[in-house]
Each structure stands twice: as structure tokens, then as C-alpha cells.
């Protein structure tokens, strides 16, 4: 069985929208504005590329990442080389870029659940706020890799939904607070 890991930059009030400067969002680029850059705070991000065997995202994140990430050969070499899964009911094979390696479209959460039952290493979920909410609500996420930023954004897409779901217990695997206020929180979901 494969492990499904959500990785996210998240504000203290749960917003995950546009952390890297994506145009058209109210708080675009909030992870790097007014917060001192400390390389040690991002060690987890580098480690994810070596530990993950595949990457998953929703359609919106795929459409944002696929024109850019393949050209970032130094920063994203690990991600660029690994298989990718896009969860979308509307994307077609013709919509996929041809310079980002093996990409498979999954049509439903049932397809994600079936993929988790296969052999292989961890699958890491990037971006994809709606997909993450749906995966969490369906009980499909096994681990969270969160970098929590000391900022309240007030508005934007949230990591967790407001759905009336059963309580989910988490076990702390790693935690650290850095001098710039960022907190690394790694949790396993207790199934």
C-alpha cells in the first residue's frame, strides 16, 4: 500500500492559496513577503523530492505547475523525473504537456484509493487545495507535511474543508520552530 502525503505552505489561519506569487490572488506570494528566508526552514521541501516516488495534483495546480516546473531543472529535478498523477474529471490526455514525464489522469477519488493499493513508494500531493480537502474528507491522506507561516491571511482557499466529517486523530512525527517563526509540523494520520 502506498502512502499519500499532503505537503503545504499554510498560514496560521489555514490558507494555502498562492504561496509562491501566482498572479491574480489577493495575498499572492505571502510565504516570502515580510518573512526572513532561512534555508533550514525549507529542508523538508528538499527531502520530499528524494523520499517521494510520485507526485499528485488537481487540474488547477497541474495547469499552473506544468508550464513552469519542467524548466526548473535545478530546483525540481526530482519532481520532474517522477511519475505524476492528475485528479480531474475534465482534463484530457491532449491537455497534458509533453516535457514533464509520465503523467496519468485519475478521474475520481475511487481511482486515488485504487492507486494507493498498488505497490510503490510514497505519493506527494502538491498545491491542489480542493483536491486536498476532498482527499482529507474521504480519509485518503496518510501524512501531512506542513510549513506553517506566522501570518493571518483572512481570505483564500483553505487546506481543510468545513465538511461535517468524523474526527481524525494525528500523531506528531516531526516538529520544529525556526527563528523566522515558520513551524514545521509533520503528522501521520491515525487510521
N, C-alpha and C. Protein backbone atom coordinates (compact mmCIF):
# COMPACT_ATOMS: atom_id res chain seq x y z
N UNK A 1 0.85 -1.19 0.00
CA UNK A 1 0.00 0.00 0.00
C UNK A 1 0.88 1.24 0.00
N UNK A 2 0.51 2.21 -0.80
CA UNK A 2 1.28 3.44 -0.93
C UNK A 2 0.80 4.48 0.07
N UNK A 3 1.72 5.33 0.50
CA UNK A 3 1.41 6.40 1.44
C UNK A 3 1.12 7.67 0.65
N UNK A 4 0.01 8.33 0.98
CA UNK A 4 -0.36 9.59 0.34
C UNK A 4 -0.05 10.72 1.30
N UNK A 5 0.84 11.62 0.87
CA UNK A 5 1.34 12.70 1.72
C UNK A 5 0.92 14.04 1.14
N UNK A 6 0.26 14.86 1.95
CA UNK A 6 -0.04 16.23 1.56
C UNK A 6 1.08 17.12 2.07
N UNK A 7 1.61 17.96 1.18
CA UNK A 7 2.61 18.93 1.57
C UNK A 7 2.07 20.32 1.29
N UNK A 8 2.25 21.25 2.24
CA UNK A 8 1.66 22.57 2.03
C UNK A 8 2.39 23.64 2.81
N UNK A 9 2.45 24.81 2.20
CA UNK A 9 2.74 26.05 2.91
C UNK A 9 1.37 26.53 3.37
N UNK A 10 1.21 26.83 4.65
CA UNK A 10 -0.10 27.19 5.17
C UNK A 10 0.04 28.36 6.16
N UNK A 11 -0.88 29.29 6.07
CA UNK A 11 -0.91 30.39 7.04
C UNK A 11 -1.48 29.86 8.35
N UNK A 12 -1.28 30.58 9.41
CA UNK A 12 -1.79 30.13 10.71
C UNK A 12 -3.31 29.95 10.69
N UNK A 13 -4.01 30.72 9.84
CA UNK A 13 -5.46 30.57 9.76
C UNK A 13 -5.90 29.62 8.64
N UNK A 14 -4.98 28.79 8.15
CA UNK A 14 -5.35 27.69 7.27
C UNK A 14 -5.35 27.94 5.78
N UNK A 15 -4.91 29.12 5.33
CA UNK A 15 -4.93 29.45 3.90
C UNK A 15 -3.71 28.85 3.21
N UNK A 16 -3.93 28.25 2.05
CA UNK A 16 -2.86 27.66 1.26
C UNK A 16 -2.77 28.27 -0.14
N UNK A 17 -3.62 29.21 -0.44
CA UNK A 17 -3.73 29.79 -1.78
C UNK A 17 -2.54 30.67 -2.14
N UNK A 18 -1.97 30.45 -3.32
CA UNK A 18 -0.97 31.31 -3.96
C UNK A 18 0.23 31.65 -3.09
N UNK A 19 0.87 30.65 -2.48
CA UNK A 19 2.01 30.96 -1.62
C UNK A 19 3.24 31.47 -2.37
N UNK A 20 3.39 31.06 -3.65
CA UNK A 20 4.61 31.37 -4.36
C UNK A 20 4.58 32.58 -5.26
N UNK A 21 3.49 33.31 -5.28
CA UNK A 21 3.44 34.52 -6.11
C UNK A 21 2.60 34.39 -7.35
N UNK A 22 1.73 33.39 -7.41
CA UNK A 22 0.85 33.20 -8.55
C UNK A 22 -0.01 34.45 -8.74
N UNK A 23 -0.12 34.92 -9.96
CA UNK A 23 -0.86 36.16 -10.25
C UNK A 23 -2.36 35.97 -10.05
N UNK A 24 -3.01 37.06 -9.69
CA UNK A 24 -4.46 37.08 -9.63
C UNK A 24 -5.08 36.73 -8.29
N UNK A 25 -4.26 36.60 -7.24
CA UNK A 25 -4.78 36.26 -5.93
C UNK A 25 -4.51 37.39 -4.94
N UNK A 26 -5.40 37.58 -4.01
CA UNK A 26 -5.34 38.67 -3.04
C UNK A 26 -4.00 38.73 -2.30
N UNK A 27 -3.54 37.61 -1.80
CA UNK A 27 -2.31 37.57 -0.99
C UNK A 27 -1.18 36.83 -1.68
N UNK A 28 -1.12 36.92 -2.97
CA UNK A 28 -0.13 36.18 -3.75
C UNK A 28 1.29 36.42 -3.25
N UNK A 29 2.04 35.33 -3.05
CA UNK A 29 3.43 35.42 -2.63
C UNK A 29 3.64 35.61 -1.14
N UNK A 30 2.64 35.31 -0.35
CA UNK A 30 2.68 35.59 1.09
C UNK A 30 3.76 34.82 1.84
N UNK A 31 4.29 33.74 1.28
CA UNK A 31 5.31 32.98 2.00
C UNK A 31 6.66 33.68 2.04
N UNK A 32 6.90 34.55 1.08
CA UNK A 32 8.21 35.19 1.01
C UNK A 32 8.17 36.69 1.30
N UNK A 33 7.00 37.23 1.53
CA UNK A 33 6.89 38.65 1.85
C UNK A 33 6.95 38.83 3.37
N UNK A 34 7.84 39.69 3.81
CA UNK A 34 7.94 40.07 5.22
C UNK A 34 8.39 38.93 6.14
N UNK A 35 8.86 37.83 5.60
CA UNK A 35 9.35 36.72 6.42
C UNK A 35 10.78 36.41 5.97
N UNK A 36 11.71 36.52 6.90
CA UNK A 36 13.12 36.29 6.59
C UNK A 36 13.30 34.89 6.02
N UNK A 37 14.10 34.78 4.95
CA UNK A 37 14.38 33.48 4.35
C UNK A 37 15.47 32.78 5.15
N UNK A 38 15.16 31.62 5.67
CA UNK A 38 16.13 30.77 6.36
C UNK A 38 16.12 29.41 5.67
N UNK A 39 17.22 29.03 5.03
CA UNK A 39 17.25 27.75 4.29
C UNK A 39 16.84 26.55 5.12
N UNK A 40 17.20 26.54 6.40
CA UNK A 40 16.89 25.38 7.24
C UNK A 40 15.38 25.17 7.41
N UNK A 41 14.60 26.24 7.26
CA UNK A 41 13.15 26.12 7.38
C UNK A 41 12.54 25.35 6.21
N UNK A 42 13.29 25.23 5.12
CA UNK A 42 12.77 24.57 3.92
C UNK A 42 13.43 23.22 3.66
N UNK A 43 14.19 22.71 4.61
CA UNK A 43 14.86 21.42 4.46
C UNK A 43 13.87 20.32 4.10
N UNK A 44 12.70 20.36 4.67
CA UNK A 44 11.66 19.36 4.40
C UNK A 44 11.31 19.32 2.92
N UNK A 45 11.27 20.47 2.28
CA UNK A 45 10.89 20.53 0.86
C UNK A 45 11.91 19.78 0.00
N UNK A 46 13.19 19.93 0.29
CA UNK A 46 14.21 19.20 -0.45
C UNK A 46 14.14 17.71 -0.20
N UNK A 47 13.91 17.34 1.03
CA UNK A 47 13.82 15.93 1.41
C UNK A 47 12.64 15.25 0.71
N UNK A 48 11.55 15.97 0.53
CA UNK A 48 10.37 15.39 -0.12
C UNK A 48 10.70 14.86 -1.52
N UNK A 49 11.56 15.57 -2.25
CA UNK A 49 11.89 15.14 -3.62
C UNK A 49 12.63 13.81 -3.64
N UNK A 50 13.42 13.54 -2.60
CA UNK A 50 14.18 12.29 -2.58
C UNK A 50 13.36 11.15 -1.99
N UNK A 51 12.38 11.45 -1.15
CA UNK A 51 11.59 10.41 -0.50
C UNK A 51 10.34 10.00 -1.27
N UNK A 52 9.79 10.90 -2.07
CA UNK A 52 8.56 10.60 -2.82
C UNK A 52 8.89 9.79 -4.07
N UNK A 53 7.97 8.93 -4.46
CA UNK A 53 8.12 8.14 -5.68
C UNK A 53 7.24 8.67 -6.80
N UNK A 54 6.24 9.49 -6.45
CA UNK A 54 5.32 10.05 -7.44
C UNK A 54 4.70 11.32 -6.88
N UNK A 55 4.15 12.12 -7.77
CA UNK A 55 3.52 13.38 -7.37
C UNK A 55 2.07 13.38 -7.86
N UNK A 56 1.18 13.96 -7.04
CA UNK A 56 -0.23 14.06 -7.39
C UNK A 56 -0.66 15.51 -7.26
N UNK A 57 -1.60 15.91 -8.11
CA UNK A 57 -2.16 17.26 -8.03
C UNK A 57 -3.52 17.27 -8.71
N UNK A 58 -4.27 18.33 -8.44
CA UNK A 58 -5.53 18.55 -9.13
C UNK A 58 -5.29 19.28 -10.44
N UNK A 59 -6.35 19.45 -11.21
CA UNK A 59 -6.25 20.09 -12.52
C UNK A 59 -5.71 21.51 -12.45
N UNK A 60 -6.22 22.32 -11.53
CA UNK A 60 -5.81 23.72 -11.45
C UNK A 60 -4.31 23.82 -11.15
N UNK A 61 -3.84 23.03 -10.21
CA UNK A 61 -2.40 23.05 -9.90
C UNK A 61 -1.59 22.51 -11.07
N UNK A 62 -2.08 21.46 -11.73
CA UNK A 62 -1.37 20.95 -12.90
C UNK A 62 -1.22 22.05 -13.95
N UNK A 63 -2.30 22.76 -14.21
CA UNK A 63 -2.25 23.81 -15.22
C UNK A 63 -1.33 24.97 -14.82
N UNK A 64 -1.15 25.18 -13.51
CA UNK A 64 -0.23 26.22 -13.04
C UNK A 64 1.22 25.73 -13.05
N UNK A 65 1.45 24.48 -12.63
CA UNK A 65 2.82 23.96 -12.50
C UNK A 65 3.42 23.51 -13.83
N UNK A 66 2.63 22.87 -14.69
CA UNK A 66 3.18 22.20 -15.88
C UNK A 66 3.90 23.13 -16.86
N UNK A 67 3.55 24.41 -16.98
CA UNK A 67 4.33 25.26 -17.87
C UNK A 67 5.66 25.72 -17.25
N UNK A 68 5.79 25.62 -15.91
CA UNK A 68 6.94 26.20 -15.22
C UNK A 68 7.90 25.16 -14.66
N UNK A 69 7.40 24.18 -13.92
CA UNK A 69 8.27 23.23 -13.23
C UNK A 69 9.22 22.47 -14.15
N UNK A 70 8.80 22.04 -15.36
CA UNK A 70 9.74 21.31 -16.22
C UNK A 70 10.98 22.13 -16.59
N UNK A 71 10.88 23.44 -16.57
CA UNK A 71 12.02 24.30 -16.91
C UNK A 71 12.92 24.56 -15.71
N UNK A 72 12.47 24.20 -14.51
CA UNK A 72 13.24 24.43 -13.29
C UNK A 72 14.05 23.17 -12.97
N UNK A 73 15.01 22.90 -13.82
CA UNK A 73 15.75 21.63 -13.76
C UNK A 73 16.62 21.51 -12.52
N UNK A 74 17.06 22.61 -11.95
CA UNK A 74 17.91 22.54 -10.75
C UNK A 74 17.07 22.36 -9.49
N UNK A 75 16.04 23.19 -9.32
CA UNK A 75 15.24 23.15 -8.10
C UNK A 75 14.28 21.96 -8.03
N UNK A 76 13.78 21.52 -9.17
CA UNK A 76 12.74 20.49 -9.17
C UNK A 76 13.13 19.24 -9.95
N UNK A 77 14.41 18.93 -10.02
CA UNK A 77 14.87 17.76 -10.78
C UNK A 77 14.18 16.47 -10.34
N UNK A 78 14.05 16.28 -9.03
CA UNK A 78 13.41 15.08 -8.51
C UNK A 78 11.95 14.98 -8.92
N UNK A 79 11.23 16.08 -8.77
CA UNK A 79 9.82 16.08 -9.15
C UNK A 79 9.64 15.92 -10.65
N UNK A 80 10.51 16.56 -11.42
CA UNK A 80 10.38 16.47 -12.87
C UNK A 80 10.57 15.05 -13.37
N UNK A 81 11.40 14.26 -12.68
CA UNK A 81 11.69 12.89 -13.11
C UNK A 81 10.62 11.88 -12.69
N UNK A 82 9.89 12.16 -11.61
CA UNK A 82 8.96 11.15 -11.09
C UNK A 82 7.62 11.14 -11.83
N UNK A 83 6.91 10.00 -11.80
CA UNK A 83 5.57 9.93 -12.40
C UNK A 83 4.62 10.91 -11.71
N UNK A 84 3.67 11.42 -12.49
CA UNK A 84 2.69 12.37 -11.96
C UNK A 84 1.28 11.84 -12.19
N UNK A 85 0.42 12.15 -11.21
CA UNK A 85 -1.00 11.80 -11.30
C UNK A 85 -1.79 13.09 -11.16
N UNK A 86 -2.72 13.31 -12.09
CA UNK A 86 -3.58 14.48 -12.04
C UNK A 86 -5.00 13.99 -11.83
N UNK A 87 -5.64 14.47 -10.77
CA UNK A 87 -7.01 14.08 -10.48
C UNK A 87 -7.92 15.13 -11.09
N UNK A 88 -8.67 14.72 -12.11
CA UNK A 88 -9.52 15.67 -12.83
C UNK A 88 -10.61 14.92 -13.59
N UNK A 89 -11.81 15.47 -13.56
CA UNK A 89 -12.89 14.88 -14.34
C UNK A 89 -13.01 15.55 -15.71
N UNK A 90 -12.24 16.62 -15.94
CA UNK A 90 -12.38 17.37 -17.19
C UNK A 90 -11.13 17.39 -18.07
N UNK A 91 -9.96 17.19 -17.50
CA UNK A 91 -8.71 17.24 -18.26
C UNK A 91 -8.64 16.04 -19.20
N UNK A 92 -8.11 16.26 -20.41
CA UNK A 92 -7.93 15.14 -21.35
C UNK A 92 -6.44 14.92 -21.58
N UNK A 93 -6.10 13.78 -22.15
CA UNK A 93 -4.70 13.49 -22.45
C UNK A 93 -4.10 14.55 -23.37
N UNK A 94 -4.92 15.12 -24.24
CA UNK A 94 -4.43 16.17 -25.15
C UNK A 94 -4.04 17.44 -24.39
N UNK A 95 -4.54 17.62 -23.17
CA UNK A 95 -4.22 18.80 -22.37
C UNK A 95 -2.89 18.68 -21.63
N UNK A 96 -2.30 17.48 -21.62
CA UNK A 96 -1.06 17.25 -20.88
C UNK A 96 0.14 17.77 -21.66
N UNK A 97 1.10 18.34 -20.94
CA UNK A 97 2.34 18.78 -21.58
C UNK A 97 3.19 17.55 -21.90
N UNK A 98 4.06 17.68 -22.90
CA UNK A 98 4.86 16.51 -23.31
C UNK A 98 6.30 16.56 -22.81
N UNK A 99 6.62 17.54 -21.95
CA UNK A 99 8.00 17.66 -21.47
C UNK A 99 8.13 17.49 -19.96
N UNK A 100 7.16 16.79 -19.34
CA UNK A 100 7.19 16.66 -17.89
C UNK A 100 7.10 15.22 -17.43
N UNK A 101 7.45 14.31 -18.31
CA UNK A 101 7.49 12.89 -17.94
C UNK A 101 6.12 12.23 -17.95
N UNK A 102 6.12 11.03 -17.38
CA UNK A 102 4.90 10.20 -17.34
C UNK A 102 3.81 10.86 -16.49
N UNK A 103 2.64 11.10 -17.09
CA UNK A 103 1.52 11.70 -16.38
C UNK A 103 0.26 10.88 -16.65
N UNK A 104 -0.44 10.53 -15.58
CA UNK A 104 -1.67 9.75 -15.67
C UNK A 104 -2.81 10.56 -15.08
N UNK A 105 -3.93 10.57 -15.77
CA UNK A 105 -5.12 11.26 -15.27
C UNK A 105 -5.97 10.26 -14.49
N UNK A 106 -6.32 10.64 -13.26
CA UNK A 106 -7.25 9.86 -12.43
C UNK A 106 -8.58 10.61 -12.43
N UNK A 107 -9.67 9.92 -12.61
CA UNK A 107 -10.97 10.57 -12.77
C UNK A 107 -11.75 10.75 -11.47
N UNK A 108 -11.36 10.05 -10.39
CA UNK A 108 -12.19 10.10 -9.18
C UNK A 108 -11.36 9.76 -7.94
N UNK A 109 -11.96 9.98 -6.78
CA UNK A 109 -11.32 9.58 -5.53
C UNK A 109 -11.23 8.07 -5.43
N UNK A 110 -12.14 7.35 -6.08
CA UNK A 110 -12.04 5.89 -6.13
C UNK A 110 -10.76 5.48 -6.87
N UNK A 111 -10.41 6.21 -7.92
CA UNK A 111 -9.17 5.93 -8.65
C UNK A 111 -7.95 6.20 -7.75
N UNK A 112 -8.02 7.25 -6.93
CA UNK A 112 -6.94 7.53 -5.99
C UNK A 112 -6.82 6.40 -4.97
N UNK A 113 -7.95 5.96 -4.44
CA UNK A 113 -7.94 4.86 -3.46
C UNK A 113 -7.35 3.60 -4.09
N UNK A 114 -7.68 3.32 -5.34
CA UNK A 114 -7.13 2.14 -6.03
C UNK A 114 -5.62 2.29 -6.23
N UNK A 115 -5.17 3.48 -6.59
CA UNK A 115 -3.74 3.73 -6.75
C UNK A 115 -2.98 3.49 -5.45
N UNK A 116 -3.58 3.92 -4.33
CA UNK A 116 -2.94 3.71 -3.03
C UNK A 116 -2.74 2.23 -2.72
N UNK A 117 -3.55 1.35 -3.29
CA UNK A 117 -3.47 -0.09 -3.05
C UNK A 117 -2.38 -0.76 -3.87
N UNK A 118 -1.74 -0.03 -4.78
CA UNK A 118 -0.70 -0.61 -5.62
C UNK A 118 0.64 -0.61 -4.90
N UNK A 119 1.61 -1.29 -5.48
CA UNK A 119 2.98 -1.29 -4.97
C UNK A 119 3.68 0.00 -5.39
N UNK A 120 4.61 0.45 -4.56
CA UNK A 120 5.38 1.64 -4.91
C UNK A 120 5.57 2.53 -3.71
N UNK A 121 6.37 3.54 -3.87
CA UNK A 121 6.69 4.43 -2.77
C UNK A 121 5.65 5.51 -2.56
N UNK A 122 5.95 6.44 -1.65
CA UNK A 122 5.01 7.50 -1.30
C UNK A 122 4.63 8.40 -2.48
N UNK A 123 3.41 8.88 -2.44
CA UNK A 123 2.90 9.84 -3.42
C UNK A 123 2.69 11.16 -2.68
N UNK A 124 3.27 12.23 -3.20
CA UNK A 124 3.18 13.52 -2.53
C UNK A 124 2.22 14.43 -3.31
N UNK A 125 1.31 15.08 -2.59
CA UNK A 125 0.30 15.94 -3.19
C UNK A 125 0.75 17.39 -3.03
N UNK A 126 0.90 18.09 -4.17
CA UNK A 126 1.33 19.49 -4.17
C UNK A 126 0.18 20.40 -4.57
N UNK A 127 0.16 21.60 -3.96
CA UNK A 127 -0.88 22.58 -4.31
C UNK A 127 -2.24 21.98 -4.06
N UNK A 128 -3.15 22.19 -5.01
CA UNK A 128 -4.38 21.41 -5.07
C UNK A 128 -5.26 21.52 -3.84
N UNK A 129 -5.64 22.73 -3.47
CA UNK A 129 -6.45 22.95 -2.27
C UNK A 129 -7.74 22.13 -2.29
N UNK A 130 -8.48 22.18 -3.40
CA UNK A 130 -9.74 21.43 -3.46
C UNK A 130 -9.50 19.93 -3.37
N UNK A 131 -8.50 19.45 -4.10
CA UNK A 131 -8.19 18.02 -4.06
C UNK A 131 -7.81 17.61 -2.64
N UNK A 132 -6.98 18.40 -1.96
CA UNK A 132 -6.58 18.07 -0.59
C UNK A 132 -7.78 18.00 0.35
N UNK A 133 -8.70 18.94 0.20
CA UNK A 133 -9.90 18.92 1.05
C UNK A 133 -10.70 17.65 0.80
N UNK A 134 -10.86 17.29 -0.47
CA UNK A 134 -11.63 16.09 -0.81
C UNK A 134 -10.93 14.82 -0.35
N UNK A 135 -9.61 14.76 -0.52
CA UNK A 135 -8.85 13.59 -0.06
C UNK A 135 -8.94 13.44 1.46
N UNK A 136 -8.82 14.56 2.16
CA UNK A 136 -8.91 14.54 3.62
C UNK A 136 -10.29 14.09 4.07
N UNK A 137 -11.32 14.68 3.48
CA UNK A 137 -12.70 14.31 3.85
C UNK A 137 -12.99 12.84 3.59
N UNK A 138 -12.33 12.26 2.56
CA UNK A 138 -12.54 10.85 2.22
C UNK A 138 -11.62 9.91 3.01
N UNK A 139 -10.77 10.47 3.85
CA UNK A 139 -9.88 9.65 4.66
C UNK A 139 -8.75 9.01 3.88
N UNK A 140 -8.32 9.64 2.79
CA UNK A 140 -7.29 9.06 1.93
C UNK A 140 -5.88 9.56 2.22
N UNK A 141 -5.73 10.62 3.00
CA UNK A 141 -4.41 11.16 3.31
C UNK A 141 -3.81 10.39 4.49
N UNK A 142 -2.53 10.04 4.36
CA UNK A 142 -1.82 9.29 5.40
C UNK A 142 -0.88 10.15 6.21
N UNK A 143 -0.39 11.24 5.63
CA UNK A 143 0.59 12.08 6.31
C UNK A 143 0.46 13.52 5.82
N UNK A 144 0.72 14.45 6.72
CA UNK A 144 0.77 15.88 6.39
C UNK A 144 2.17 16.41 6.63
N UNK A 145 2.72 17.11 5.64
CA UNK A 145 3.97 17.86 5.78
C UNK A 145 3.57 19.33 5.68
N UNK A 146 3.55 20.02 6.81
CA UNK A 146 3.09 21.40 6.81
C UNK A 146 4.21 22.34 7.25
N UNK A 147 4.38 23.42 6.50
CA UNK A 147 5.19 24.55 6.95
C UNK A 147 4.20 25.66 7.24
N UNK A 148 4.03 25.94 8.53
CA UNK A 148 3.03 26.92 8.98
C UNK A 148 3.72 28.26 9.15
N UNK A 149 3.21 29.26 8.46
CA UNK A 149 3.81 30.60 8.46
C UNK A 149 3.12 31.49 9.48
N UNK A 150 3.89 32.37 10.12
CA UNK A 150 3.34 33.24 11.16
C UNK A 150 2.61 34.44 10.55
N UNK A 151 1.50 34.14 9.90
CA UNK A 151 0.72 35.19 9.25
C UNK A 151 -0.74 34.76 9.22
N UNK A 152 -1.62 35.72 9.38
CA UNK A 152 -3.06 35.50 9.24
C UNK A 152 -3.49 36.18 7.94
N UNK A 153 -4.02 35.43 6.99
CA UNK A 153 -4.38 35.99 5.69
C UNK A 153 -5.85 36.35 5.60
N UNK A 154 -6.68 35.75 6.41
CA UNK A 154 -8.09 36.12 6.45
C UNK A 154 -8.94 35.54 5.34
N UNK A 155 -8.42 35.49 4.13
CA UNK A 155 -9.22 35.00 3.00
C UNK A 155 -8.33 34.17 2.09
N UNK A 156 -8.97 33.27 1.37
CA UNK A 156 -8.25 32.42 0.43
C UNK A 156 -8.64 30.97 0.60
N UNK A 157 -8.21 30.15 -0.35
CA UNK A 157 -8.51 28.72 -0.28
C UNK A 157 -7.85 28.11 0.94
N UNK A 158 -8.59 27.27 1.63
CA UNK A 158 -8.13 26.65 2.88
C UNK A 158 -7.67 25.22 2.63
N UNK A 159 -6.78 24.74 3.50
CA UNK A 159 -6.31 23.37 3.40
C UNK A 159 -7.40 22.38 3.78
N UNK A 160 -8.18 22.71 4.81
CA UNK A 160 -9.21 21.78 5.28
C UNK A 160 -10.59 22.34 4.99
N UNK A 161 -11.52 21.44 4.73
CA UNK A 161 -12.89 21.85 4.41
C UNK A 161 -13.67 22.12 5.69
N UNK A 162 -14.85 22.60 5.53
CA UNK A 162 -15.75 22.79 6.66
C UNK A 162 -16.79 21.70 6.72
N UNK A 163 -16.52 20.59 6.02
CA UNK A 163 -17.49 19.48 5.97
C UNK A 163 -17.67 18.85 7.35
N UNK A 164 -18.84 18.32 7.56
CA UNK A 164 -19.16 17.64 8.81
C UNK A 164 -18.67 16.19 8.70
N UNK A 165 -17.38 16.00 9.00
CA UNK A 165 -16.77 14.67 8.92
C UNK A 165 -16.38 14.22 10.32
N UNK A 166 -16.13 12.93 10.45
CA UNK A 166 -15.71 12.39 11.74
C UNK A 166 -14.34 12.93 12.14
N UNK A 167 -14.09 12.93 13.43
CA UNK A 167 -12.81 13.37 13.98
C UNK A 167 -11.69 12.50 13.41
N UNK A 168 -10.56 13.14 13.11
CA UNK A 168 -9.36 12.45 12.64
C UNK A 168 -8.24 12.74 13.62
N UNK A 169 -7.64 11.70 14.15
CA UNK A 169 -6.51 11.87 15.07
C UNK A 169 -5.20 11.87 14.28
N UNK A 170 -4.28 12.71 14.74
CA UNK A 170 -2.97 12.83 14.11
C UNK A 170 -1.89 12.54 15.13
N UNK A 171 -0.78 11.96 14.66
CA UNK A 171 0.37 11.69 15.52
C UNK A 171 1.53 12.54 15.02
N UNK A 172 2.14 13.32 15.91
CA UNK A 172 3.28 14.15 15.54
C UNK A 172 4.48 13.26 15.24
N UNK A 173 5.06 13.44 14.06
CA UNK A 173 6.24 12.70 13.65
C UNK A 173 7.48 13.60 13.76
N UNK A 174 7.33 14.86 13.38
CA UNK A 174 8.40 15.86 13.46
C UNK A 174 7.78 17.20 13.75
N UNK A 175 8.51 18.03 14.50
CA UNK A 175 8.10 19.42 14.67
C UNK A 175 9.32 20.25 14.99
N UNK A 176 9.32 21.46 14.49
CA UNK A 176 10.41 22.37 14.76
C UNK A 176 9.93 23.79 14.48
N UNK A 177 10.40 24.73 15.28
CA UNK A 177 10.10 26.14 15.05
C UNK A 177 11.42 26.83 14.71
N UNK A 178 11.39 27.63 13.66
CA UNK A 178 12.59 28.30 13.18
C UNK A 178 12.60 29.76 13.64
N UNK A 179 13.75 30.39 13.56
CA UNK A 179 13.94 31.75 14.05
C UNK A 179 13.04 32.76 13.33
N UNK A 180 12.63 32.45 12.11
CA UNK A 180 11.75 33.37 11.37
C UNK A 180 10.27 33.14 11.68
N UNK A 181 9.97 32.23 12.59
CA UNK A 181 8.59 31.98 13.00
C UNK A 181 7.89 30.85 12.27
N UNK A 182 8.49 30.34 11.21
CA UNK A 182 7.88 29.21 10.50
C UNK A 182 7.97 27.97 11.38
N UNK A 183 6.89 27.19 11.38
CA UNK A 183 6.87 25.92 12.11
C UNK A 183 6.75 24.77 11.13
N UNK A 184 7.61 23.77 11.30
CA UNK A 184 7.49 22.52 10.54
C UNK A 184 6.66 21.57 11.40
N UNK A 185 5.58 21.06 10.83
CA UNK A 185 4.71 20.10 11.51
C UNK A 185 4.47 18.93 10.57
N UNK A 186 4.95 17.76 10.97
CA UNK A 186 4.74 16.54 10.19
C UNK A 186 3.89 15.62 11.05
N UNK A 187 2.73 15.25 10.50
CA UNK A 187 1.78 14.40 11.20
C UNK A 187 1.47 13.15 10.39
N UNK A 188 1.39 12.00 11.06
CA UNK A 188 0.78 10.81 10.48
C UNK A 188 -0.68 10.79 10.88
N UNK A 189 -1.53 10.40 9.95
CA UNK A 189 -2.95 10.23 10.24
C UNK A 189 -3.11 8.88 10.92
N UNK A 190 -3.80 8.87 12.05
CA UNK A 190 -4.06 7.62 12.78
C UNK A 190 -5.32 7.01 12.17
N UNK A 191 -5.12 5.89 11.49
CA UNK A 191 -6.26 5.21 10.80
C UNK A 191 -6.87 4.19 11.72
